[in-house]
Amino acid sequence: MIGAVAALVSNMFLGQGPWTPWQMFSWGMIGWTAGHLYRWSLLKSRLLLIAFGFAWGFLFGWIMNIWFLANMGQDLTWASVAAAFASSFYFDLAHALCNVFFLAVLGPGWTKILQRYKRKYGLLEAGGG
């Protein structure tokens, strides 16, 4: 929910456009998958958390590429699909590497803050998770 609303609110300052629902979907899916993977204890490992961030750096870009390609209409060809994904590769790589950097540097601190928040407001699960 936070990811979807974040796209809507940030674009009020940066400019709304037809891409906004796609950003909202993507950011919402990042949060949704993170929640499920954490619940299944898959993101409690720092290495898996960093791999998750790297993967979503590319997945976000690919979802936004689909938005771009969906607006091409009749001009959509396999060559245009390949060109869109090839031209976004370095941007997606930069996004993925920045996710890795921020999760490696700030991830442990964020995790402690969120655990403290869960404890403070009684949001811990029965197993202490």
Protein backbone atom coordinates (compact mmCIF):
# COMPACT_ATOMS: atom_id res chain seq x y z
CA MET A 1 0.00 0.00 0.00
CA ILE A 2 2.82 2.39 0.87
CA GLY A 3 4.57 1.74 -2.44
CA ALA A 4 1.44 2.40 -4.47
CA VAL A 5 0.60 5.60 -2.59
CA ALA A 6 4.23 6.77 -2.72
CA ALA A 7 4.12 6.83 -6.52
CA LEU A 8 0.89 8.81 -6.52
CA VAL A 9 2.12 11.35 -3.96
CA SER A 10 5.60 11.80 -5.43
CA ASN A 11 4.15 12.35 -8.88
CA MET A 12 2.02 15.18 -7.50
CA PHE A 13 5.34 17.03 -7.18
CA LEU A 14 7.22 15.47 -10.09
CA GLY A 15 4.37 15.27 -12.59
CA GLN A 16 1.56 12.82 -13.12
CA GLY A 17 1.36 10.87 -16.32
CA PRO A 18 0.05 7.69 -17.86
CA TRP A 19 3.03 5.88 -16.30
CA THR A 20 1.84 6.60 -12.74
CA PRO A 21 -0.49 3.56 -12.41
CA TRP A 22 2.33 1.34 -13.66
CA GLN A 23 4.68 2.79 -11.03
CA MET A 24 2.00 2.33 -8.38
CA PHE A 25 1.54 -1.30 -9.43
CA SER A 26 5.30 -1.96 -9.50
CA TRP A 27 6.05 -0.37 -6.14
CA GLY A 28 3.03 -2.07 -4.60
CA MET A 29 4.23 -5.43 -5.92
CA ILE A 30 7.68 -4.82 -4.47
CA GLY A 31 6.14 -4.32 -1.05
CA TRP A 32 3.74 -7.24 -1.47
CA THR A 33 6.48 -9.69 -2.49
CA ALA A 34 8.79 -8.39 0.23
CA GLY A 35 6.09 -8.96 2.83
CA HIS A 36 5.43 -12.51 1.70
CA LEU A 37 9.08 -13.43 1.36
CA TYR A 38 9.82 -11.99 4.80
CA ARG A 39 6.91 -13.89 6.31
CA TRP A 40 8.33 -17.08 4.80
CA SER A 41 11.73 -16.14 6.37
CA LEU A 42 13.36 -15.68 2.97
CA LEU A 43 14.27 -12.02 3.42
CA LYS A 44 15.60 -12.39 6.94
CA SER A 45 18.95 -13.29 5.39
CA ARG A 46 20.91 -10.19 4.45
CA LEU A 47 22.23 -11.83 1.27
CA LEU A 48 18.73 -12.77 0.10
CA LEU A 49 17.46 -9.27 0.91
CA ILE A 50 20.21 -7.79 -1.27
CA ALA A 51 19.45 -10.28 -4.07
CA PHE A 52 15.76 -9.31 -3.79
CA GLY A 53 16.66 -5.64 -4.23
CA PHE A 54 18.87 -6.42 -7.23
CA ALA A 55 16.14 -8.49 -8.90
CA TRP A 56 13.47 -5.84 -8.34
CA GLY A 57 15.78 -3.19 -9.79
CA PHE A 58 15.41 -5.00 -13.11
CA LEU A 59 11.79 -6.12 -12.64
CA PHE A 60 10.66 -2.54 -12.03
CA GLY A 61 12.34 -1.45 -15.24
CA TRP A 62 10.83 -4.33 -17.19
CA ILE A 63 7.32 -3.48 -15.96
CA MET A 64 7.86 0.12 -17.00
CA ASN A 65 9.11 -1.12 -20.39
CA ILE A 66 5.82 -2.99 -20.79
CA TRP A 67 3.99 0.30 -20.18
CA PHE A 68 6.14 1.96 -22.84
CA LEU A 69 5.60 -0.87 -25.32
CA ALA A 70 1.85 -1.05 -24.66
CA ASN A 71 1.58 2.54 -25.90
CA MET A 72 3.23 1.77 -29.23
CA GLY A 73 0.01 0.37 -30.71
CA GLN A 74 0.42 -0.98 -34.22
CA ASP A 75 4.10 -0.03 -34.32
CA LEU A 76 4.98 -2.78 -31.84
CA THR A 77 7.42 -5.30 -33.29
CA TRP A 78 9.89 -7.77 -31.83
CA ALA A 79 12.64 -5.36 -32.86
CA SER A 80 11.02 -2.52 -30.89
CA VAL A 81 10.65 -4.81 -27.87
CA ALA A 82 14.33 -5.75 -28.06
CA ALA A 83 15.30 -2.10 -28.53
CA ALA A 84 13.26 -0.99 -25.51
CA PHE A 85 14.79 -3.60 -23.22
CA ALA A 86 18.31 -3.05 -24.58
CA SER A 87 18.09 0.73 -24.23
CA SER A 88 16.89 0.46 -20.63
CA PHE A 89 19.49 -2.11 -19.58
CA TYR A 90 22.05 0.31 -18.12
CA PHE A 91 19.40 2.34 -16.33
CA ASP A 92 17.92 -0.88 -14.89
CA LEU A 93 21.40 -2.06 -13.91
CA ALA A 94 22.05 1.25 -12.15
CA HIS A 95 18.71 0.92 -10.35
CA ALA A 96 19.54 -2.64 -9.28
CA LEU A 97 23.04 -1.70 -8.09
CA CYS A 98 21.71 1.28 -6.14
CA ASN A 99 19.19 -1.04 -4.48
CA VAL A 100 22.07 -3.34 -3.54
CA PHE A 101 24.09 -0.44 -2.14
CA PHE A 102 21.26 1.02 -0.08
CA LEU A 103 20.12 -2.38 1.24
CA ALA A 104 23.69 -3.33 2.14
CA VAL A 105 24.39 -0.03 3.91
CA LEU A 106 21.00 0.90 5.33
CA GLY A 107 19.16 -2.44 5.41
CA PRO A 108 20.28 -3.56 8.89
CA GLY A 109 19.32 -0.21 10.42
CA TRP A 110 15.94 -0.19 8.69
CA THR A 111 15.28 -3.73 9.87
CA LYS A 112 16.03 -2.75 13.49
CA ILE A 113 13.72 0.26 13.24
CA LEU A 114 10.89 -1.83 11.79
CA GLN A 115 11.35 -4.55 14.43
CA ARG A 116 11.21 -1.91 17.17
CA TYR A 117 8.05 -0.47 15.61
CA LYS A 118 6.47 -3.94 15.50
CA ARG A 119 7.35 -4.53 19.17
CA LYS A 120 6.13 -1.10 20.28
CA TYR A 121 2.75 -1.42 18.60
CA GLY A 122 2.19 -5.14 19.30
CA LEU A 123 2.47 -6.21 15.68
CA LEU A 124 4.69 -9.23 16.32
CA GLU A 125 3.34 -12.57 15.18
CA ALA A 126 2.66 -15.40 17.60
CA GLY A 127 6.06 -16.95 16.86
CA GLY A 128 7.91 -13.74 17.76
CA GLY A 129 8.53 -12.87 14.07
